[in-house]
């Protein structure tokens, strides 16, 4: 079974889409209870407007 990191290397070639164009709240809502853990990452890596 391929490693998780291999999936990142193949991103774009095998249909693994790591990007979303959702607004912050819509994006976080899709991850339910994990949203609280993902929000700091979203805020840290979102480009300034």
N, C-alpha and C. Protein backbone atom coordinates (compact mmCIF):
# COMPACT_ATOMS: atom_id res chain seq x y z
N UNK A 1 0.85 -1.18 0.00
CA UNK A 1 0.00 0.00 0.00
C UNK A 1 0.90 1.25 0.00
N UNK A 2 0.68 2.18 -0.89
CA UNK A 2 1.49 3.41 -0.96
C UNK A 2 1.35 4.24 0.32
N UNK A 3 2.41 4.96 0.63
CA UNK A 3 2.38 5.81 1.82
C UNK A 3 1.53 7.06 1.57
N UNK A 4 1.16 7.71 2.65
CA UNK A 4 0.38 8.94 2.56
C UNK A 4 1.19 10.01 1.83
N UNK A 5 2.47 10.11 2.13
CA UNK A 5 3.30 11.12 1.48
C UNK A 5 3.39 10.91 -0.03
N UNK A 6 3.34 9.67 -0.46
CA UNK A 6 3.36 9.40 -1.90
C UNK A 6 2.15 10.04 -2.58
N UNK A 7 1.02 10.06 -1.88
CA UNK A 7 -0.19 10.69 -2.44
C UNK A 7 0.05 12.17 -2.69
N UNK A 8 0.80 12.82 -1.80
CA UNK A 8 1.11 14.23 -2.01
C UNK A 8 2.02 14.41 -3.22
N UNK A 9 2.96 13.51 -3.40
CA UNK A 9 3.85 13.60 -4.55
C UNK A 9 3.09 13.43 -5.86
N UNK A 10 2.04 12.64 -5.82
CA UNK A 10 1.25 12.37 -7.02
C UNK A 10 0.08 13.33 -7.19
N UNK A 11 -0.08 14.26 -6.26
CA UNK A 11 -1.20 15.19 -6.34
C UNK A 11 -1.21 15.89 -7.69
N UNK A 12 -2.35 15.93 -8.29
CA UNK A 12 -2.47 16.54 -9.61
C UNK A 12 -2.40 15.52 -10.73
N UNK A 13 -1.75 14.39 -10.45
CA UNK A 13 -1.64 13.34 -11.47
C UNK A 13 -2.72 12.28 -11.29
N UNK A 14 -3.11 12.05 -10.04
CA UNK A 14 -4.07 10.99 -9.77
C UNK A 14 -5.42 11.46 -9.29
N UNK A 15 -5.69 12.74 -9.40
CA UNK A 15 -7.00 13.24 -9.01
C UNK A 15 -7.09 13.69 -7.57
N UNK A 16 -5.98 13.72 -6.84
CA UNK A 16 -6.00 14.20 -5.46
C UNK A 16 -5.93 15.72 -5.48
N UNK A 17 -7.05 16.34 -5.21
CA UNK A 17 -7.12 17.79 -5.23
C UNK A 17 -6.98 18.32 -3.82
N UNK A 18 -5.90 19.05 -3.56
CA UNK A 18 -5.63 19.57 -2.22
C UNK A 18 -6.09 21.00 -2.04
N UNK A 19 -6.72 21.55 -3.04
CA UNK A 19 -7.14 22.94 -2.97
C UNK A 19 -8.65 23.05 -2.98
N UNK A 20 -9.12 24.12 -2.37
CA UNK A 20 -10.54 24.44 -2.38
C UNK A 20 -10.66 25.94 -2.61
N UNK A 21 -11.75 26.36 -3.18
CA UNK A 21 -11.99 27.79 -3.39
C UNK A 21 -13.07 28.30 -2.46
N UNK A 22 -13.41 27.49 -1.46
CA UNK A 22 -14.46 27.89 -0.52
C UNK A 22 -14.00 29.04 0.36
N UNK A 23 -14.97 29.79 0.85
CA UNK A 23 -14.71 30.78 1.87
C UNK A 23 -14.34 30.03 3.16
N UNK A 24 -13.69 30.73 4.08
CA UNK A 24 -13.18 30.12 5.31
C UNK A 24 -14.24 29.30 6.04
N UNK A 25 -15.38 29.89 6.33
CA UNK A 25 -16.40 29.20 7.12
C UNK A 25 -16.97 27.98 6.40
N UNK A 26 -17.16 28.08 5.10
CA UNK A 26 -17.67 26.94 4.32
C UNK A 26 -16.65 25.81 4.34
N UNK A 27 -15.39 26.15 4.13
CA UNK A 27 -14.32 25.15 4.14
C UNK A 27 -14.26 24.44 5.49
N UNK A 28 -14.23 25.21 6.57
CA UNK A 28 -14.10 24.61 7.90
C UNK A 28 -15.32 23.77 8.26
N UNK A 29 -16.49 24.21 7.85
CA UNK A 29 -17.72 23.47 8.16
C UNK A 29 -17.70 22.06 7.57
N UNK A 30 -17.04 21.89 6.45
CA UNK A 30 -17.02 20.57 5.81
C UNK A 30 -16.24 19.55 6.65
N UNK A 31 -15.45 20.01 7.63
CA UNK A 31 -14.65 19.11 8.46
C UNK A 31 -15.21 18.92 9.86
N UNK A 32 -16.41 19.41 10.10
CA UNK A 32 -17.11 19.14 11.35
C UNK A 32 -16.30 19.47 12.59
N UNK A 33 -16.20 18.49 13.50
CA UNK A 33 -15.52 18.70 14.78
C UNK A 33 -14.04 19.03 14.62
N UNK A 34 -13.43 18.63 13.52
CA UNK A 34 -12.01 18.91 13.29
C UNK A 34 -11.76 20.36 12.90
N UNK A 35 -12.81 21.12 12.65
CA UNK A 35 -12.66 22.51 12.21
C UNK A 35 -11.87 23.35 13.22
N UNK A 36 -12.06 23.09 14.50
CA UNK A 36 -11.33 23.84 15.52
C UNK A 36 -9.82 23.62 15.41
N UNK A 37 -9.42 22.45 14.97
CA UNK A 37 -7.99 22.14 14.81
C UNK A 37 -7.45 22.69 13.49
N UNK A 38 -8.30 22.80 12.49
CA UNK A 38 -7.86 23.26 11.17
C UNK A 38 -7.85 24.78 11.05
N UNK A 39 -8.66 25.46 11.84
CA UNK A 39 -8.78 26.92 11.73
C UNK A 39 -7.44 27.65 11.90
N UNK A 40 -6.60 27.30 12.88
CA UNK A 40 -5.32 28.01 12.99
C UNK A 40 -4.43 27.84 11.75
N UNK A 41 -4.46 26.68 11.14
CA UNK A 41 -3.69 26.46 9.92
C UNK A 41 -4.22 27.30 8.77
N UNK A 42 -5.53 27.36 8.67
CA UNK A 42 -6.16 28.20 7.64
C UNK A 42 -5.70 29.65 7.82
N UNK A 43 -5.79 30.12 9.06
CA UNK A 43 -5.44 31.51 9.34
C UNK A 43 -3.97 31.80 9.11
N UNK A 44 -3.10 30.83 9.42
CA UNK A 44 -1.66 31.02 9.28
C UNK A 44 -1.20 31.01 7.82
N UNK A 45 -1.89 30.25 6.97
CA UNK A 45 -1.43 30.09 5.59
C UNK A 45 -2.30 30.76 4.55
N UNK A 46 -3.27 31.54 4.98
CA UNK A 46 -4.10 32.28 4.04
C UNK A 46 -3.36 33.56 3.63
N UNK A 47 -3.23 33.80 2.34
CA UNK A 47 -2.54 35.02 1.91
C UNK A 47 -3.29 36.27 2.34
N UNK A 48 -2.58 37.34 2.59
CA UNK A 48 -3.25 38.59 2.96
C UNK A 48 -4.12 39.09 1.81
N UNK A 49 -5.21 39.76 2.14
CA UNK A 49 -6.09 40.28 1.10
C UNK A 49 -5.79 41.75 0.83
